Amino acid sequence: MFEDARQYIGTPYLAYGTTPAGFDCSGFTLFIYSKFGIELPHMASSQLNMGTPIAEADAQPGDLVWMPGHVGFWAGPGMMLDSPTEGESIEIRPIWSSYYIVFRVGIN
């Protein structure tokens, strides 16, 4: 799953976007998970509610990282793959919030 998500690095942020033409944060995770038969809602907090929080030590690429108002893919300790905000594009970047939850939904 994570390798599939990586192919979208460089895709621009697009508010409410759920396609390779552009993604917002939850639209990106929704799109990737749907390719694996898992339907997620188009809202970061609702995606968190569908998952199970896990310890960072147990996290694998493909798990998700939630912070208030945002969601992306776990990309290793302290890192995430996400579609961040207007004017930026999907990339692997440091987790920028001190408060976040790593969680798992379905498969990886």
Foldseek 3Di string as FASTA:
>chain_A
DLVVLVVLFVQADDVVDQDSVHHAFQSSLQNVVVVVVDHFDSFQVRNVVQWDFDDLVPDDFSWKKDDVRHIFTDDHVQWTFGRYDHPDGTDIDGDDDPDMTTTHHDDD
